[in-house]
PDB file of N, CA and C in Angstrom:
ATOM      1  N   MET A   1     116.220 114.501  94.293  1.00  0.00           N
ATOM      2  CA  MET A   1     116.216 113.824  93.018  1.00  0.00           C
ATOM      3  C   MET A   1     115.040 114.351  92.204  1.00  0.00           C
ATOM      4  N   ASN A   2     115.323 115.184  91.255  1.00  0.00           N
ATOM      5  CA  ASN A   2     114.297 115.837  90.452  1.00  0.00           C
ATOM      6  C   ASN A   2     114.414 115.348  89.019  1.00  0.00           C
ATOM      7  N   ASN A   3     113.384 114.671  88.521  1.00  0.00           N
ATOM      8  CA  ASN A   3     113.441 114.166  87.150  1.00  0.00           C
ATOM      9  C   ASN A   3     112.716 115.076  86.166  1.00  0.00           C
ATOM     10  N   GLY A   4     112.247 116.213  86.626  1.00  0.00           N
ATOM     11  CA  GLY A   4     111.654 117.201  85.737  1.00  0.00           C
ATOM     12  C   GLY A   4     110.175 117.025  85.469  1.00  0.00           C
ATOM     13  N   LYS A   5     109.536 116.036  86.065  1.00  0.00           N
ATOM     14  CA  LYS A   5     108.108 115.833  85.837  1.00  0.00           C
ATOM     15  C   LYS A   5     107.328 116.292  87.057  1.00  0.00           C
ATOM     16  N   SER A   6     106.240 116.948  86.783  1.00  0.00           N
ATOM     17  CA  SER A   6     105.373 117.372  87.879  1.00  0.00           C
ATOM     18  C   SER A   6     104.520 116.190  88.329  1.00  0.00           C
ATOM     19  N   TYR A   7     103.884 116.359  89.454  1.00  0.00           N
ATOM     20  CA  TYR A   7     103.014 115.305  89.977  1.00  0.00           C
ATOM     21  C   TYR A   7     101.893 114.987  88.992  1.00  0.00           C
ATOM     22  N   SER A   8     101.298 116.009  88.402  1.00  0.00           N
ATOM     23  CA  SER A   8     100.190 115.770  87.466  1.00  0.00           C
ATOM     24  C   SER A   8     100.675 115.049  86.209  1.00  0.00           C
ATOM     25  N   GLU A   9     101.880 115.349  85.746  1.00  0.00           N
ATOM     26  CA  GLU A   9     102.425 114.642  84.583  1.00  0.00           C
ATOM     27  C   GLU A   9     102.662 113.171  84.909  1.00  0.00           C
ATOM     28  N   MET A  10     103.190 112.923  86.119  1.00  0.00           N
ATOM     29  CA  MET A  10     103.435 111.537  86.529  1.00  0.00           C
ATOM     30  C   MET A  10     102.119 110.778  86.685  1.00  0.00           C
ATOM     31  N   ALA A  11     101.096 111.444  87.224  1.00  0.00           N
ATOM     32  CA  ALA A  11      99.791 110.805  87.391  1.00  0.00           C
ATOM     33  C   ALA A  11      99.178 110.473  86.034  1.00  0.00           C
ATOM     34  N   LYS A  12      99.291 111.390  85.077  1.00  0.00           N
ATOM     35  CA  LYS A  12      98.773 111.142  83.728  1.00  0.00           C
ATOM     36  C   LYS A  12      99.523 109.982  83.077  1.00  0.00           C
ATOM     37  N   SER A  13     100.841 109.981  83.256  1.00  0.00           N
ATOM     38  CA  SER A  13     101.659 108.925  82.682  1.00  0.00           C
ATOM     39  C   SER A  13     101.274 107.567  83.268  1.00  0.00           C
ATOM     40  N   TYR A  14     101.073 107.533  84.570  1.00  0.00           N
ATOM     41  CA  TYR A  14     100.663 106.293  85.234  1.00  0.00           C
ATOM     42  C   TYR A  14      99.309 105.820  84.700  1.00  0.00           C
ATOM     43  N   ALA A  15      98.376 106.744  84.562  1.00  0.00           N
ATOM     44  CA  ALA A  15      97.038 106.399  84.072  1.00  0.00           C
ATOM     45  C   ALA A  15      97.101 105.854  82.645  1.00  0.00           C
ATOM     46  N   MET A  16      97.922 106.459  81.804  1.00  0.00           N
ATOM     47  CA  MET A  16      98.053 105.996  80.415  1.00  0.00           C
ATOM     48  C   MET A  16      98.668 104.592  80.377  1.00  0.00           C
ATOM     49  N   ASN A  17      99.704 104.380  81.193  1.00  0.00           N
ATOM     50  CA  ASN A  17     100.338 103.061  81.230  1.00  0.00           C
ATOM     51  C   ASN A  17      99.361 102.002  81.726  1.00  0.00           C
ATOM     52  N   LYS A  18      98.565 102.354  82.713  1.00  0.00           N
ATOM     53  CA  LYS A  18      97.574 101.411  83.245  1.00  0.00           C
ATOM     54  C   LYS A  18      96.539 101.073  82.178  1.00  0.00           C
ATOM     55  N   LYS A  19      96.089 102.066  81.418  1.00  0.00           N
ATOM     56  CA  LYS A  19      95.114 101.811  80.348  1.00  0.00           C
ATOM     57  C   LYS A  19      95.699 100.870  79.300  1.00  0.00           C
ATOM     58  N   LYS A  20      96.976 101.092  78.948  1.00  0.00           N
ATOM     59  CA  LYS A  20      97.628 100.233  77.959  1.00  0.00           C
ATOM     60  C   LYS A  20      97.729  98.802  78.476  1.00  0.00           C
ATOM     61  N   LYS A  21      98.116  98.652  79.740  1.00  0.00           N
ATOM     62  CA  LYS A  21      98.230  97.313  80.324  1.00  0.00           C
ATOM     63  C   LYS A  21      96.869  96.634  80.390  1.00  0.00           C
ATOM     64  N   ASP A  22      95.849  97.386  80.786  1.00  0.00           N
ATOM     65  CA  ASP A  22      94.498  96.824  80.859  1.00  0.00           C
ATOM     66  C   ASP A  22      94.014  96.379  79.482  1.00  0.00           C
ATOM     67  N   ALA A  23      94.274  97.189  78.473  1.00  0.00           N
ATOM     68  CA  ALA A  23      93.865  96.841  77.107  1.00  0.00           C
ATOM     69  C   ALA A  23      94.588  95.576  76.644  1.00  0.00           C
ATOM     70  N   HIS A  24      95.867  95.483  76.965  1.00  0.00           N
ATOM     71  CA  HIS A  24      96.651  94.303  76.588  1.00  0.00           C
ATOM     72  C   HIS A  24      96.103  93.050  77.284  1.00  0.00           C
ATOM     73  N   MET A  25      95.772  93.170  78.559  1.00  0.00           N
ATOM     74  CA  MET A  25      95.215  92.031  79.295  1.00  0.00           C
ATOM     75  C   MET A  25      93.870  91.603  78.709  1.00  0.00           C
ATOM     76  N   LYS A  26      93.055  92.567  78.309  1.00  0.00           N
ATOM     77  CA  LYS A  26      91.768  92.233  77.687  1.00  0.00           C
ATOM     78  C   LYS A  26      91.980  91.475  76.383  1.00  0.00           C
ATOM     79  N   GLU A  27      92.950  91.924  75.584  1.00  0.00           N
ATOM     80  CA  GLU A  27      93.255  91.242  74.325  1.00  0.00           C
ATOM     81  C   GLU A  27      93.708  89.808  74.584  1.00  0.00           C
ATOM     82  N   LEU A  28      94.555  89.623  75.592  1.00  0.00           N
ATOM     83  CA  LEU A  28      95.015  88.274  75.927  1.00  0.00           C
ATOM     84  C   LEU A  28      93.855  87.379  76.350  1.00  0.00           C
ATOM     85  N   MET A  29      92.976  87.920  77.158  1.00  0.00           N
ATOM     86  CA  MET A  29      91.821  87.142  77.612  1.00  0.00           C
ATOM     87  C   MET A  29      90.916  86.767  76.437  1.00  0.00           C
ATOM     88  N   ILE A  30      90.694  87.698  75.538  1.00  0.00           N
ATOM     89  CA  ILE A  30      89.869  87.425  74.357  1.00  0.00           C
ATOM     90  C   ILE A  30      90.504  86.325  73.517  1.00  0.00           C
ATOM     91  N   ASP A  31      91.824  86.416  73.297  1.00  0.00           N
ATOM     92  CA  ASP A  31      92.531  85.384  72.537  1.00  0.00           C
ATOM     93  C   ASP A  31      92.406  84.017  73.207  1.00  0.00           C
ATOM     94  N   MET A  32      92.541  83.994  74.524  1.00  0.00           N
ATOM     95  CA  MET A  32      92.430  82.729  75.251  1.00  0.00           C
ATOM     96  C   MET A  32      91.033  82.132  75.107  1.00  0.00           C
ATOM     97  N   ILE A  33      90.025  82.963  75.200  1.00  0.00           N
ATOM     98  CA  ILE A  33      88.643  82.487  75.073  1.00  0.00           C
ATOM     99  C   ILE A  33      88.389  81.942  73.673  1.00  0.00           C
ATOM    100  N   ILE A  34      88.873  82.651  72.665  1.00  0.00           N
ATOM    101  CA  ILE A  34      88.693  82.199  71.280  1.00  0.00           C
ATOM    102  C   ILE A  34      89.384  80.862  71.063  1.00  0.00           C
ATOM    103  N   HIS A  35      90.646  80.746  71.499  1.00  0.00           N
ATOM    104  CA  HIS A  35      91.382  79.499  71.312  1.00  0.00           C
ATOM    105  C   HIS A  35      90.739  78.339  72.081  1.00  0.00           C
ATOM    106  N   GLU A  36      90.264  78.611  73.276  1.00  0.00           N
ATOM    107  CA  GLU A  36      89.585  77.572  74.057  1.00  0.00           C
ATOM    108  C   GLU A  36      88.303  77.126  73.358  1.00  0.00           C
ATOM    109  N   SER A  37      87.571  78.066  72.780  1.00  0.00           N
ATOM    110  CA  SER A  37      86.337  77.730  72.057  1.00  0.00           C
ATOM    111  C   SER A  37      86.635  76.875  70.835  1.00  0.00           C
ATOM    112  N   ILE A  38      87.674  77.233  70.105  1.00  0.00           N
ATOM    113  CA  ILE A  38      88.057  76.459  68.919  1.00  0.00           C
ATOM    114  C   ILE A  38      88.472  75.050  69.322  1.00  0.00           C
ATOM    115  N   LEU A  39      89.270  74.934  70.372  1.00  0.00           N
ATOM    116  CA  LEU A  39      89.707  73.620  70.844  1.00  0.00           C
ATOM    117  C   LEU A  39      88.511  72.771  71.274  1.00  0.00           C
ATOM    118  N   THR A  40      87.598  73.362  72.007  1.00  0.00           N
ATOM    119  CA  THR A  40      86.407  72.640  72.460  1.00  0.00           C
ATOM    120  C   THR A  40      85.586  72.149  71.270  1.00  0.00           C
ATOM    121  N   TYR A  41      85.424  73.007  70.265  1.00  0.00           N
ATOM    122  CA  TYR A  41      84.669  72.632  69.066  1.00  0.00           C
ATOM    123  C   TYR A  41      85.355  71.474  68.335  1.00  0.00           C
ATOM    124  N   LYS A  42      86.684  71.584  68.149  1.00  0.00           N
ATOM    125  CA  LYS A  42      87.418  70.534  67.443  1.00  0.00           C
ATOM    126  C   LYS A  42      87.328  69.203  68.184  1.00  0.00           C
ATOM    127  N   LYS A  43      87.445  69.253  69.508  1.00  0.00           N
ATOM    128  CA  LYS A  43      87.364  68.019  70.290  1.00  0.00           C
ATOM    129  C   LYS A  43      85.968  67.407  70.208  1.00  0.00           C
ATOM    130  N   LYS A  44      84.952  68.248  70.205  1.00  0.00           N
ATOM    131  CA  LYS A  44      83.576  67.743  70.095  1.00  0.00           C
ATOM    132  C   LYS A  44      83.379  67.038  68.755  1.00  0.00           C
ATOM    133  N   LYS A  45      83.834  67.677  67.674  1.00  0.00           N
ATOM    134  CA  LYS A  45      83.687  67.085  66.343  1.00  0.00           C
ATOM    135  C   LYS A  45      84.504  65.802  66.223  1.00  0.00           C
ATOM    136  N   LEU A  46      85.702  65.806  66.792  1.00  0.00           N
ATOM    137  CA  LEU A  46      86.545  64.616  66.749  1.00  0.00           C
ATOM    138  C   LEU A  46      85.903  63.475  67.534  1.00  0.00           C
ATOM    139  N   ALA A  47      85.319  63.780  68.681  1.00  0.00           N
ATOM    140  CA  ALA A  47      84.627  62.758  69.477  1.00  0.00           C
ATOM    141  C   ALA A  47      83.458  62.171  68.691  1.00  0.00           C
ATOM    142  N   GLU A  48      82.745  63.013  67.958  1.00  0.00           N
ATOM    143  CA  GLU A  48      81.636  62.528  67.126  1.00  0.00           C
ATOM    144  C   GLU A  48      82.144  61.586  66.042  1.00  0.00           C
ATOM    145  N   ARG A  49      83.278  61.936  65.437  1.00  0.00           N
ATOM    146  CA  ARG A  49      83.851  61.083  64.387  1.00  0.00           C
ATOM    147  C   ARG A  49      84.350  59.756  64.969  1.00  0.00           C
ATOM    148  N   ILE A  50      84.912  59.811  66.186  1.00  0.00           N
ATOM    149  CA  ILE A  50      85.359  58.579  66.849  1.00  0.00           C
ATOM    150  C   ILE A  50      84.156  57.680  67.127  1.00  0.00           C
ATOM    151  N   ASP A  51      83.083  58.263  67.633  1.00  0.00           N
ATOM    152  CA  ASP A  51      81.861  57.489  67.887  1.00  0.00           C
ATOM    153  C   ASP A  51      81.334  56.856  66.602  1.00  0.00           C
ATOM    154  N   GLU A  52      81.382  57.622  65.532  1.00  0.00           N
ATOM    155  CA  GLU A  52      80.915  57.117  64.237  1.00  0.00           C
ATOM    156  C   GLU A  52      81.781  55.949  63.767  1.00  0.00           C
ATOM    157  N   ALA A  53      83.096  56.080  63.948  1.00  0.00           N
ATOM    158  CA  ALA A  53      84.002  54.995  63.566  1.00  0.00           C
ATOM    159  C   ALA A  53      83.719  53.744  64.394  1.00  0.00           C
ATOM    160  N   LEU A  54      83.413  53.931  65.665  1.00  0.00           N
ATOM    161  CA  LEU A  54      83.052  52.785  66.513  1.00  0.00           C
ATOM    162  C   LEU A  54      81.746  52.149  66.049  1.00  0.00           C
ATOM    163  N   ASP A  55      80.765  52.986  65.740  1.00  0.00           N
ATOM    164  CA  ASP A  55      79.462  52.478  65.294  1.00  0.00           C
ATOM    165  C   ASP A  55      79.578  51.667  64.006  1.00  0.00           C
ATOM    166  N   THR A  56      80.445  52.111  63.111  1.00  0.00           N
ATOM    167  CA  THR A  56      80.612  51.421  61.824  1.00  0.00           C
ATOM    168  C   THR A  56      81.706  50.358  61.875  1.00  0.00           C
ATOM    169  N   LYS A  57      82.309  50.199  63.047  1.00  0.00           N
ATOM    170  CA  LYS A  57      83.382  49.211  63.266  1.00  0.00           C
ATOM    171  C   LYS A  57      84.560  49.413  62.314  1.00  0.00           C
ATOM    172  N   ASP A  58      84.874  50.672  62.051  1.00  0.00           N
ATOM    173  CA  ASP A  58      86.003  51.020  61.180  1.00  0.00           C
ATOM    174  C   ASP A  58      87.256  51.165  62.050  1.00  0.00           C
ATOM    175  N   ARG A  59      87.994  50.064  62.168  1.00  0.00           N
ATOM    176  CA  ARG A  59      89.156  50.038  63.067  1.00  0.00           C
ATOM    177  C   ARG A  59      90.256  51.009  62.642  1.00  0.00           C
ATOM    178  N   LYS A  60      90.506  51.084  61.343  1.00  0.00           N
ATOM    179  CA  LYS A  60      91.574  51.975  60.867  1.00  0.00           C
ATOM    180  C   LYS A  60      91.245  53.432  61.175  1.00  0.00           C
ATOM    181  N   LEU A  61      90.028  53.828  60.874  1.00  0.00           N
ATOM    182  CA  LEU A  61      89.620  55.206  61.141  1.00  0.00           C
ATOM    183  C   LEU A  61      89.616  55.481  62.640  1.00  0.00           C
ATOM    184  N   PHE A  62      89.141  54.504  63.417  1.00  0.00           N
ATOM    185  CA  PHE A  62      89.138  54.665  64.872  1.00  0.00           C
ATOM    186  C   PHE A  62      90.560  54.872  65.397  1.00  0.00           C
ATOM    187  N   ALA A  63      91.497  54.062  64.920  1.00  0.00           N
ATOM    188  CA  ALA A  63      92.889  54.185  65.365  1.00  0.00           C
ATOM    189  C   ALA A  63      93.464  55.548  64.982  1.00  0.00           C
ATOM    190  N   LEU A  64      93.187  55.974  63.762  1.00  0.00           N
ATOM    191  CA  LEU A  64      93.678  57.271  63.294  1.00  0.00           C
ATOM    192  C   LEU A  64      93.116  58.412  64.139  1.00  0.00           C
ATOM    193  N   LEU A  65      91.813  58.390  64.349  1.00  0.00           N
ATOM    194  CA  LEU A  65      91.167  59.453  65.119  1.00  0.00           C
ATOM    195  C   LEU A  65      91.572  59.411  66.592  1.00  0.00           C
ATOM    196  N   SER A  66      91.768  58.218  67.123  1.00  0.00           N
ATOM    197  CA  SER A  66      92.211  58.095  68.516  1.00  0.00           C
ATOM    198  C   SER A  66      93.605  58.680  68.696  1.00  0.00           C
ATOM    199  N   ASN A  67      94.474  58.432  67.722  1.00  0.00           N
ATOM    200  CA  ASN A  67      95.816  59.030  67.772  1.00  0.00           C
ATOM    201  C   ASN A  67      95.731  60.549  67.722  1.00  0.00           C
ATOM    202  N   GLU A  68      94.858  61.049  66.871  1.00  0.00           N
ATOM    203  CA  GLU A  68      94.664  62.499  66.779  1.00  0.00           C
ATOM    204  C   GLU A  68      94.157  63.055  68.117  1.00  0.00           C
ATOM    205  N   TRP A  69      93.219  62.352  68.735  1.00  0.00           N
ATOM    206  CA  TRP A  69      92.678  62.751  70.046  1.00  0.00           C
ATOM    207  C   TRP A  69      93.804  62.805  71.089  1.00  0.00           C
ATOM    208  N   ASN A  70      94.634  61.754  71.091  1.00  0.00           N
ATOM    209  CA  ASN A  70      95.739  61.705  72.052  1.00  0.00           C
ATOM    210  C   ASN A  70      96.739  62.831  71.826  1.00  0.00           C
ATOM    211  N   GLU A  71      97.018  63.149  70.577  1.00  0.00           N
ATOM    212  CA  GLU A  71      97.947  64.244  70.268  1.00  0.00           C
ATOM    213  C   GLU A  71      97.398  65.584  70.748  1.00  0.00           C
ATOM    214  N   ILE A  72      96.123  65.809  70.523  1.00  0.00           N
ATOM    215  CA  ILE A  72      95.502  67.055  70.991  1.00  0.00           C
ATOM    216  C   ILE A  72      95.609  67.149  72.508  1.00  0.00           C
ATOM    217  N   ASN A  73      95.346  66.040  73.184  1.00  0.00           N
ATOM    218  CA  ASN A  73      95.422  66.043  74.642  1.00  0.00           C
ATOM    219  C   ASN A  73      96.845  66.260  75.143  1.00  0.00           C
ATOM    220  N   LYS A  74      97.834  65.725  74.433  1.00  0.00           N
ATOM    221  CA  LYS A  74      99.236  65.960  74.807  1.00  0.00           C
ATOM    222  C   LYS A  74      99.607  67.423  74.626  1.00  0.00           C
ATOM    223  N   MET A  75      99.224  67.985  73.481  1.00  0.00           N
ATOM    224  CA  MET A  75      99.602  69.363  73.150  1.00  0.00           C
ATOM    225  C   MET A  75      98.965  70.374  74.089  1.00  0.00           C
ATOM    226  N   PHE A  76      97.712  70.152  74.446  1.00  0.00           N
ATOM    227  CA  PHE A  76      96.978  71.154  75.211  1.00  0.00           C
ATOM    228  C   PHE A  76      96.741  70.745  76.659  1.00  0.00           C
ATOM    229  N   GLY A  77      97.240  69.587  77.047  1.00  0.00           N
ATOM    230  CA  GLY A  77      97.140  69.159  78.431  1.00  0.00           C
ATOM    231  C   GLY A  77      95.726  68.990  78.931  1.00  0.00           C
ATOM    232  N   THR A  78      94.861  68.493  78.062  1.00  0.00           N
ATOM    233  CA  THR A  78      93.470  68.316  78.478  1.00  0.00           C
ATOM    234  C   THR A  78      93.138  66.862  78.633  1.00  0.00           C
TER     235      THR A  78
END
């Protein structure tokens, strides 16, 4: 079974494919880290706003922010 490629051509092809896959995996990891950082920041700010609503005894704002907190936790499983 001869497909017309030499061993060196196949080795080069394998190396190029591996580099592409590695680059793609790095991009995915970077995206995951960025999204996780954004989520962490948003949750921190939301927690601060919830605390503020509790401190000022603002029930409506507390309920609204608590619902938002619950939705974030449902969406991202945290």
